[in-house]
Amino acid sequence: MATKRIITGIDIGTHTVRVVITEYEPGVGFPHIIGIGKAESRGLRQGYIINTTDAARSLRVAIEEAEQAAGVRIREAFLSVGGVGLEGIQTHGAAIISRADSLITDSDVERALRACEQSLPNSANKKILHTIPIEYLVDGKKIYGGRPAGMKGLKLEAKCLIVTCFEQHLNDLIRAVEEAGVEPIDACAAPIAASFVALTKSQKMAGCILANIGAETVSIVVYEESIPISLEIFPVGSTDITNDIALGLKIPLEEAELIKLGKSAQQFPKKKLNDIMLARLEDMFSLVIAHLKKIGKHELLPAGIVITGGGSGIETIEDFARAAMRLPSKIPSINLDFANNPKSKKQVKDTSWFVAYGLAIWGITNDRPGLQINDSLLLRIKESFRNIVKQLLP
């Protein structure tokens, strides 16, 4: 009988630290969530750690909450990497086939991928997180299926998406996690981790963009033919909307946050409030649109835009994104039923845990960046996620 594994995902965001502990039995299909924990982030700015000790303390609080819920102690975890230093760049590389009979080997493929990494511009102080093959060419002809090994040719070319972060930023993350008493196993770009939960196989195949809206950054990843082809981070987030509301209506930040999420009992001029929010949302989505135009995908993603992160709770953001992007717009439908919580009697969509849970899913495969999840499995994952979070609500 296969031994069950404990797999943990840690998402250290600018506003909140989230920890998801899962139990995975090989052959079952997906990690089952057994505990979650969160804490207010300290010592971060736009995804960067500026005080390692404060960040470690926040993480320890979240870890202890998750451990108590799960009834286990965690010793190791997978980490997310976000922040404005995260970047995805397409590069090209090539390798001359080494065998006399022109048979392409795994070694040839590896050399082509390494050539892609070596052609990365401005790589000083950067750490490569993912090298994701987008396409291969053998003697100038595109290979469909993405498996050139075993074919014959004289020259193998590769186009890759290289995802990097600042090495110092990654080192600071690792140091904070270690100070919290956990050993980091590996690190994944936050929007890619979120995509393992938020996106279906059919969405990735058709072409879509995931926008993870955090407190101080918006992270996007673009998929086409099931492959991430572009990744970018923008230095604007949902906190900017909160600040704009507070300034425009001359109210405390706490009240502005409730208004942004549609949870305030106070009444304010609706037109003025809409104007404030729309102005900032226009700024936010204009950056996304400009990026899609840059890569030639503006209005060309049939599966549209999928919005996750804490900012997905903003009222009207789904409708605004649909109008601004001229694409189908969706917030993934994991509904947390608060009917048993006396403080609330409505359902809400909560995608803020997607990165942490996505890390656990990413961690169960050796071919992590290329992990595919079929639609039926995704439904089971979402149901498991909904049930466990409901159990852990206060």
Protein backbone atom coordinates (compact mmCIF):
# COMPACT_ATOMS: atom_id res chain seq x y z
CA MET A 1 0.00 0.00 0.00
CA ALA A 2 1.34 3.40 -0.98
CA THR A 3 2.49 5.64 1.85
CA LYS A 4 0.56 8.85 2.28
CA ARG A 5 2.57 12.06 2.01
CA ILE A 6 2.04 15.41 3.68
CA ILE A 7 2.48 18.19 1.11
CA THR A 8 2.36 21.82 2.16
CA GLY A 9 2.06 25.01 0.14
CA ILE A 10 3.14 28.39 1.54
CA ASP A 11 2.01 31.62 -0.12
CA ILE A 12 3.68 34.68 1.42
CA GLY A 13 1.70 37.61 0.04
CA THR A 14 2.13 41.30 0.75
CA HIS A 15 -1.11 41.44 2.73
CA THR A 16 -1.62 37.87 3.96
CA VAL A 17 0.42 34.71 4.54
CA ARG A 18 -1.47 31.53 3.67
CA VAL A 19 -0.54 27.92 4.42
CA VAL A 20 -2.34 24.86 3.04
CA ILE A 21 -1.47 21.40 4.38
CA THR A 22 -2.54 18.46 2.23
CA GLU A 23 -2.38 14.69 2.40
CA TYR A 24 -1.53 12.86 -0.80
CA GLU A 25 -1.74 9.14 -1.51
CA PRO A 26 -0.08 8.19 -4.82
CA GLY A 27 -2.65 6.89 -7.25
CA VAL A 28 -5.59 8.71 -5.66
CA GLY A 29 -5.24 11.66 -8.01
CA PHE A 30 -4.92 14.84 -6.00
CA PRO A 31 -3.85 16.13 -2.57
CA HIS A 32 -6.64 16.23 0.01
CA ILE A 33 -6.63 19.38 2.15
CA ILE A 34 -6.42 18.65 5.88
CA GLY A 35 -5.53 22.07 7.27
CA ILE A 36 -5.27 25.75 6.38
CA GLY A 37 -3.91 28.78 8.21
CA LYS A 38 -3.40 32.45 7.55
CA ALA A 39 -1.92 35.53 9.20
CA GLU A 40 -1.45 39.18 8.40
CA SER A 41 1.84 39.68 6.57
CA ARG A 42 4.59 41.72 8.17
CA GLY A 43 7.86 42.85 6.65
CA LEU A 44 6.81 42.80 2.97
CA ARG A 45 6.37 45.43 0.26
CA GLN A 46 5.08 44.62 -3.25
CA GLY A 47 5.92 40.98 -2.66
CA TYR A 48 9.46 41.68 -1.46
CA ILE A 49 10.64 40.79 2.02
CA ILE A 50 12.10 43.89 3.66
CA ASN A 51 12.29 42.42 7.18
CA THR A 52 12.99 38.70 7.36
CA THR A 53 12.30 38.39 11.09
CA ASP A 54 8.86 40.00 10.85
CA ALA A 55 7.98 37.87 7.82
CA ALA A 56 9.05 34.70 9.66
CA ARG A 57 6.89 35.58 12.67
CA SER A 58 3.82 36.08 10.48
CA LEU A 59 4.51 32.79 8.73
CA ARG A 60 4.88 30.97 12.03
CA VAL A 61 1.40 32.13 13.10
CA ALA A 62 -0.13 30.82 9.87
CA ILE A 63 1.80 27.54 10.10
CA GLU A 64 0.68 26.90 13.67
CA GLU A 65 -2.96 27.54 12.75
CA ALA A 66 -2.72 25.11 9.83
CA GLU A 67 -0.90 22.50 11.93
CA GLN A 68 -3.53 22.69 14.64
CA ALA A 69 -6.31 22.18 12.10
CA ALA A 70 -4.49 19.30 10.39
CA GLY A 71 -3.23 17.62 13.54
CA VAL A 72 0.27 17.26 12.06
CA ARG A 73 3.59 19.07 12.24
CA ILE A 74 5.07 20.17 8.93
CA ARG A 75 8.79 20.03 8.27
CA GLU A 76 8.98 21.01 4.61
CA ALA A 77 6.95 22.98 2.08
CA PHE A 78 6.70 24.35 -1.44
CA LEU A 79 6.90 28.13 -1.77
CA SER A 80 5.33 30.66 -4.09
CA VAL A 81 7.34 33.51 -5.57
CA GLY A 82 5.61 36.75 -6.53
CA GLY A 83 6.44 40.42 -6.44
CA VAL A 84 7.45 42.92 -9.08
CA GLY A 85 10.78 41.17 -9.74
CA LEU A 86 9.08 38.07 -11.12
CA GLU A 87 9.36 38.00 -14.91
CA GLY A 88 8.74 35.73 -17.88
CA ILE A 89 10.83 36.10 -21.04
CA GLN A 90 10.67 34.10 -24.26
CA THR A 91 14.08 32.96 -25.51
CA HIS A 92 15.43 30.79 -28.30
CA GLY A 93 18.16 28.16 -28.29
CA ALA A 94 19.53 25.48 -30.58
CA ALA A 95 21.62 22.33 -30.48
CA ILE A 96 23.36 20.38 -33.25
CA ILE A 97 22.35 16.72 -33.07
CA SER A 98 25.23 14.73 -31.64
CA ARG A 99 24.65 11.22 -33.01
CA ALA A 100 26.00 10.09 -36.36
CA ASP A 101 22.62 8.59 -37.29
CA SER A 102 20.91 11.98 -36.57
CA LEU A 103 18.68 10.48 -33.87
CA ILE A 104 17.60 13.17 -31.38
CA THR A 105 18.25 12.15 -27.79
CA ASP A 106 17.16 13.54 -24.43
CA SER A 107 20.66 14.97 -24.13
CA ASP A 108 20.12 16.99 -27.32
CA VAL A 109 16.83 18.32 -25.98
CA GLU A 110 18.52 19.27 -22.72
CA ARG A 111 21.27 21.13 -24.58
CA ALA A 112 18.68 23.10 -26.58
CA LEU A 113 16.92 24.09 -23.36
CA ARG A 114 20.19 25.12 -21.74
CA ALA A 115 20.92 27.24 -24.82
CA CYS A 116 17.59 29.00 -24.22
CA GLU A 117 18.64 29.77 -20.66
CA GLN A 118 22.05 31.02 -21.78
CA SER A 119 20.43 33.45 -24.23
CA LEU A 120 18.47 35.10 -21.41
CA PRO A 121 19.23 38.86 -21.48
CA ASN A 122 20.18 40.82 -18.35
CA SER A 123 20.45 37.69 -16.24
CA ALA A 124 22.70 39.19 -13.55
CA ASN A 125 21.17 38.84 -10.08
CA LYS A 126 18.37 36.68 -11.50
CA LYS A 127 17.39 33.14 -10.55
CA ILE A 128 15.65 30.86 -13.04
CA LEU A 129 12.51 29.32 -11.54
CA HIS A 130 11.06 27.62 -14.63
CA THR A 131 12.26 26.75 -18.12
CA ILE A 132 9.06 25.94 -20.01
CA PRO A 133 9.35 24.70 -23.63
CA ILE A 134 6.83 26.43 -25.90
CA GLU A 135 7.77 24.77 -29.18
CA TYR A 136 10.52 22.76 -30.88
CA LEU A 137 11.73 22.84 -34.47
CA VAL A 138 13.71 20.08 -36.18
CA ASP A 139 15.60 21.34 -39.21
CA GLY A 140 13.33 24.39 -39.25
CA LYS A 141 10.03 22.50 -39.07
CA LYS A 142 7.72 22.76 -36.05
CA ILE A 143 7.22 19.58 -34.06
CA TYR A 144 3.66 18.98 -32.86
CA GLY A 145 3.25 17.17 -29.58
CA GLY A 146 6.37 18.65 -27.99
CA ARG A 147 8.47 15.46 -27.96
CA PRO A 148 11.43 15.72 -30.35
CA ALA A 149 13.41 12.91 -28.69
CA GLY A 150 13.37 9.87 -30.97
CA MET A 151 13.01 11.88 -34.17
CA LYS A 152 15.83 12.43 -36.67
CA GLY A 153 17.41 15.67 -37.79
CA LEU A 154 20.56 17.76 -37.92
CA LYS A 155 19.50 20.72 -35.78
CA LEU A 156 17.06 21.07 -32.89
CA GLU A 157 15.71 24.51 -32.03
CA ALA A 158 13.65 25.42 -28.97
CA LYS A 159 11.55 28.38 -27.90
CA CYS A 160 11.04 28.63 -24.14
CA LEU A 161 9.39 30.78 -21.53
CA ILE A 162 12.04 31.45 -18.90
CA VAL A 163 10.54 32.57 -15.58
CA THR A 164 12.97 34.37 -13.30
CA CYS A 165 13.01 36.29 -10.04
CA PHE A 166 15.65 38.31 -8.24
CA GLU A 167 18.00 35.87 -6.53
CA GLN A 168 18.12 38.01 -3.39
CA HIS A 169 14.32 37.97 -3.17
CA LEU A 170 14.26 34.17 -3.37
CA ASN A 171 17.02 33.90 -0.77
CA ASP A 172 15.05 36.17 1.58
CA LEU A 173 11.94 34.02 1.14
CA ILE A 174 13.92 30.87 1.87
CA ARG A 175 15.51 32.47 4.93
CA ALA A 176 12.13 33.56 6.32
CA VAL A 177 10.67 30.08 5.86
CA GLU A 178 13.69 28.47 7.50
CA GLU A 179 13.43 30.89 10.44
CA ALA A 180 9.82 29.76 10.81
CA GLY A 181 11.09 26.18 11.24
CA VAL A 182 10.25 24.77 7.81
CA GLU A 183 12.58 23.44 5.10
CA PRO A 184 11.79 24.78 1.59
CA ILE A 185 11.60 22.05 -1.07
CA ASP A 186 11.11 24.10 -4.23
CA ALA A 187 9.64 27.40 -5.42
CA CYS A 188 7.00 28.13 -8.06
CA ALA A 189 5.86 31.38 -9.66
CA ALA A 190 2.63 32.40 -7.92
CA PRO A 191 0.42 32.84 -11.02
CA ILE A 192 1.49 29.44 -12.35
CA ALA A 193 0.65 27.84 -8.99
CA ALA A 194 -2.79 29.48 -9.01
CA SER A 195 -3.45 28.22 -12.53
CA PHE A 196 -3.32 24.59 -11.38
CA VAL A 197 -6.53 25.20 -9.42
CA ALA A 198 -8.20 28.03 -11.34
CA LEU A 199 -7.88 26.85 -14.93
CA THR A 200 -9.26 23.78 -16.64
CA LYS A 201 -7.45 21.82 -19.32
CA SER A 202 -9.90 23.09 -21.95
CA GLN A 203 -9.30 26.72 -20.96
CA LYS A 204 -5.54 26.30 -21.22
CA MET A 205 -5.83 24.58 -24.57
CA ALA A 206 -8.14 27.20 -26.10
CA GLY A 207 -6.10 30.11 -24.78
CA CYS A 208 -6.74 32.23 -21.71
CA ILE A 209 -5.19 34.65 -19.27
CA LEU A 210 -5.17 34.26 -15.50
CA ALA A 211 -4.98 37.52 -13.53
CA ASN A 212 -4.12 37.05 -9.87
CA ILE A 213 -4.96 40.37 -8.20
CA GLY A 214 -3.08 40.78 -4.95
CA ALA A 215 -2.83 43.63 -2.48
CA GLU A 216 0.00 45.46 -4.25
CA THR A 217 0.59 43.56 -7.49
CA VAL A 218 -1.32 41.99 -10.36
CA SER A 219 0.26 38.77 -11.65
CA ILE A 220 -0.75 37.40 -15.04
CA VAL A 221 0.05 34.23 -16.94
CA VAL A 222 -1.13 33.58 -20.50
CA TYR A 223 -1.84 30.03 -21.68
CA GLU A 224 -2.14 28.77 -25.24
CA GLU A 225 -2.28 25.13 -26.36
CA SER A 226 -1.96 24.14 -22.68
CA ILE A 227 1.40 25.91 -22.31
CA PRO A 228 2.26 29.09 -20.37
CA ILE A 229 3.56 31.45 -23.08
CA SER A 230 3.85 34.68 -21.10
CA LEU A 231 4.07 35.86 -17.50
CA GLU A 232 4.18 39.39 -16.11
CA ILE A 233 3.78 41.30 -12.85
CA PHE A 234 2.39 44.84 -12.54
CA PRO A 235 3.02 47.12 -9.53
CA VAL A 236 -0.63 47.89 -8.84
CA GLY A 237 -3.13 46.01 -6.70
CA SER A 238 -6.39 46.04 -4.79
CA THR A 239 -4.91 48.13 -1.96
CA ASP A 240 -4.64 51.03 -4.42
CA ILE A 241 -8.41 50.90 -4.85
CA THR A 242 -8.89 50.94 -1.08
CA ASN A 243 -6.61 53.97 -0.77
CA ASP A 244 -8.42 55.80 -3.57
CA ILE A 245 -11.80 55.21 -1.90
CA ALA A 246 -10.47 56.41 1.46
CA LEU A 247 -9.09 59.60 -0.08
CA GLY A 248 -12.07 60.25 -2.32
CA LEU A 249 -14.72 59.75 0.35
CA LYS A 250 -12.60 60.99 3.29
CA ILE A 251 -13.16 57.83 5.32
CA PRO A 252 -10.92 55.41 7.28
CA LEU A 253 -9.09 52.69 5.36
CA GLU A 254 -11.00 49.97 7.19
CA GLU A 255 -14.33 51.35 5.99
CA ALA A 256 -12.94 51.86 2.48
CA GLU A 257 -11.97 48.17 2.33
CA LEU A 258 -15.50 47.12 3.27
CA ILE A 259 -16.95 49.41 0.63
CA LYS A 260 -14.62 48.00 -2.00
CA LEU A 261 -15.84 44.49 -1.24
CA GLY A 262 -19.50 45.54 -1.04
CA LYS A 263 -19.72 44.77 2.68
CA SER A 264 -20.29 48.24 4.13
CA ALA A 265 -23.61 49.23 5.67
CA GLN A 266 -22.93 52.93 5.11
CA GLN A 267 -24.40 54.78 2.15
CA PHE A 268 -22.24 56.92 -0.15
CA PRO A 269 -22.91 58.66 -3.47
CA LYS A 270 -22.94 55.72 -5.88
CA LYS A 271 -21.72 57.67 -8.90
CA LYS A 272 -18.74 59.11 -7.04
CA LEU A 273 -17.82 55.70 -5.66
CA ASN A 274 -18.10 54.07 -9.08
CA ASP A 275 -15.97 56.79 -10.66
CA ILE A 276 -13.24 56.25 -8.05
CA MET A 277 -13.17 52.49 -8.49
CA LEU A 278 -13.46 52.52 -12.27
CA ALA A 279 -10.56 54.95 -12.63
CA ARG A 280 -8.21 52.60 -10.78
CA LEU A 281 -9.56 49.48 -12.50
CA GLU A 282 -9.00 51.17 -15.85
CA ASP A 283 -5.36 51.78 -14.89
CA MET A 284 -5.00 48.17 -13.78
CA PHE A 285 -6.51 46.54 -16.85
CA SER A 286 -4.84 48.96 -19.27
CA LEU A 287 -1.53 47.41 -18.18
CA VAL A 288 -2.88 43.93 -18.88
CA ILE A 289 -4.24 44.99 -22.28
CA ALA A 290 -0.94 46.64 -23.22
CA HIS A 291 0.88 43.40 -22.40
CA LEU A 292 -1.50 41.33 -24.52
CA LYS A 293 -1.00 43.72 -27.42
CA LYS A 294 2.76 43.42 -26.96
CA ILE A 295 2.64 39.62 -27.32
CA GLY A 296 0.02 39.71 -30.08
CA LYS A 297 -2.81 38.15 -28.06
CA HIS A 298 -5.16 41.10 -27.49
CA GLU A 299 -8.78 39.92 -27.93
CA LEU A 300 -7.42 36.59 -29.20
CA LEU A 301 -7.91 34.33 -26.17
CA PRO A 302 -11.17 32.35 -26.62
CA ALA A 303 -11.35 31.20 -22.98
CA GLY A 304 -11.02 34.79 -21.83
CA ILE A 305 -9.72 36.11 -18.53
CA VAL A 306 -9.95 34.25 -15.21
CA ILE A 307 -9.59 36.44 -12.12
CA THR A 308 -8.21 35.15 -8.81
CA GLY A 309 -6.61 36.55 -5.67
CA GLY A 310 -7.98 38.81 -2.97
CA GLY A 311 -8.88 41.43 -5.58
CA SER A 312 -11.38 39.06 -7.18
CA GLY A 313 -13.75 39.99 -4.35
CA ILE A 314 -14.10 43.55 -5.66
CA GLU A 315 -17.68 44.29 -6.64
CA THR A 316 -18.28 44.49 -10.42
CA ILE A 317 -14.71 43.46 -11.30
CA GLU A 318 -15.93 40.55 -13.42
CA ASP A 319 -18.20 42.80 -15.49
CA PHE A 320 -15.56 45.49 -15.78
CA ALA A 321 -12.93 43.01 -16.96
CA ARG A 322 -15.32 41.65 -19.59
CA ALA A 323 -16.00 45.14 -20.96
CA ALA A 324 -12.41 46.38 -20.77
CA MET A 325 -10.75 43.27 -22.18
CA ARG A 326 -13.50 42.44 -24.71
CA LEU A 327 -13.13 38.84 -23.62
CA PRO A 328 -15.15 36.36 -21.58
CA SER A 329 -14.51 37.04 -17.89
CA LYS A 330 -14.83 34.62 -15.00
CA ILE A 331 -14.10 34.29 -11.30
CA PRO A 332 -13.62 30.55 -10.56
CA SER A 333 -16.69 29.24 -8.79
CA ILE A 334 -15.46 27.80 -5.54
CA ASN A 335 -18.29 28.91 -3.30
CA LEU A 336 -17.70 28.99 0.44
CA ASP A 337 -21.07 28.52 2.12
CA PHE A 338 -21.16 30.54 5.33
CA ALA A 339 -24.66 29.38 6.23
CA ASN A 340 -23.35 27.78 9.44
CA ASN A 341 -21.49 30.94 10.39
CA PRO A 342 -23.74 33.27 12.41
CA LYS A 343 -21.79 36.27 11.15
CA SER A 344 -22.90 35.74 7.56
CA LYS A 345 -25.64 33.95 5.66
CA LYS A 346 -24.42 34.29 2.09
CA GLN A 347 -22.05 32.50 -0.21
CA VAL A 348 -18.88 34.22 -1.39
CA LYS A 349 -16.28 33.35 -3.96
CA ASP A 350 -12.86 33.02 -2.37
CA THR A 351 -9.90 32.45 -4.67
CA SER A 352 -7.28 33.80 -2.30
CA TRP A 353 -6.18 30.25 -1.35
CA PHE A 354 -5.51 29.14 -4.92
CA VAL A 355 -1.77 29.82 -4.89
CA ALA A 356 -1.09 27.91 -1.67
CA TYR A 357 -3.23 24.93 -2.74
CA GLY A 358 -1.81 25.05 -6.27
CA LEU A 359 1.66 24.65 -4.80
CA ALA A 360 0.64 21.35 -3.23
CA ILE A 361 -0.77 20.13 -6.54
CA TRP A 362 2.37 21.30 -8.34
CA GLY A 363 4.46 19.42 -5.82
CA ILE A 364 3.05 15.97 -6.64
CA THR A 365 4.67 15.76 -10.07
CA ASN A 366 8.25 15.85 -11.26
CA ASP A 367 7.23 17.65 -14.46
CA ARG A 368 5.81 20.54 -12.47
CA PRO A 369 5.54 23.42 -14.97
CA GLY A 370 3.80 21.17 -17.50
CA LEU A 371 1.33 19.60 -15.07
CA GLN A 372 -2.09 19.12 -16.64
CA ILE A 373 -5.28 18.64 -14.66
CA ASN A 374 -8.33 17.29 -16.44
CA ASP A 375 -11.74 18.85 -15.94
CA SER A 376 -13.25 16.01 -13.87
CA LEU A 377 -10.28 16.02 -11.52
CA LEU A 378 -10.57 19.80 -11.19
CA LEU A 379 -14.19 19.43 -10.08
CA ARG A 380 -13.16 16.95 -7.38
CA ILE A 381 -10.36 19.26 -6.26
CA LYS A 382 -12.78 22.18 -5.97
CA GLU A 383 -15.30 20.10 -4.01
CA SER A 384 -12.58 18.94 -1.62
CA PHE A 385 -11.37 22.51 -1.23
CA ARG A 386 -14.87 23.82 -0.50
CA ASN A 387 -15.62 21.15 2.10
CA ILE A 388 -12.39 21.52 4.05
CA VAL A 389 -12.53 25.31 4.19
CA LYS A 390 -16.14 25.16 5.42
CA GLN A 391 -15.03 22.83 8.22
CA LEU A 392 -12.24 25.16 9.29
CA LEU A 393 -14.28 28.37 9.30
CA PRO A 394 -14.81 29.88 12.77
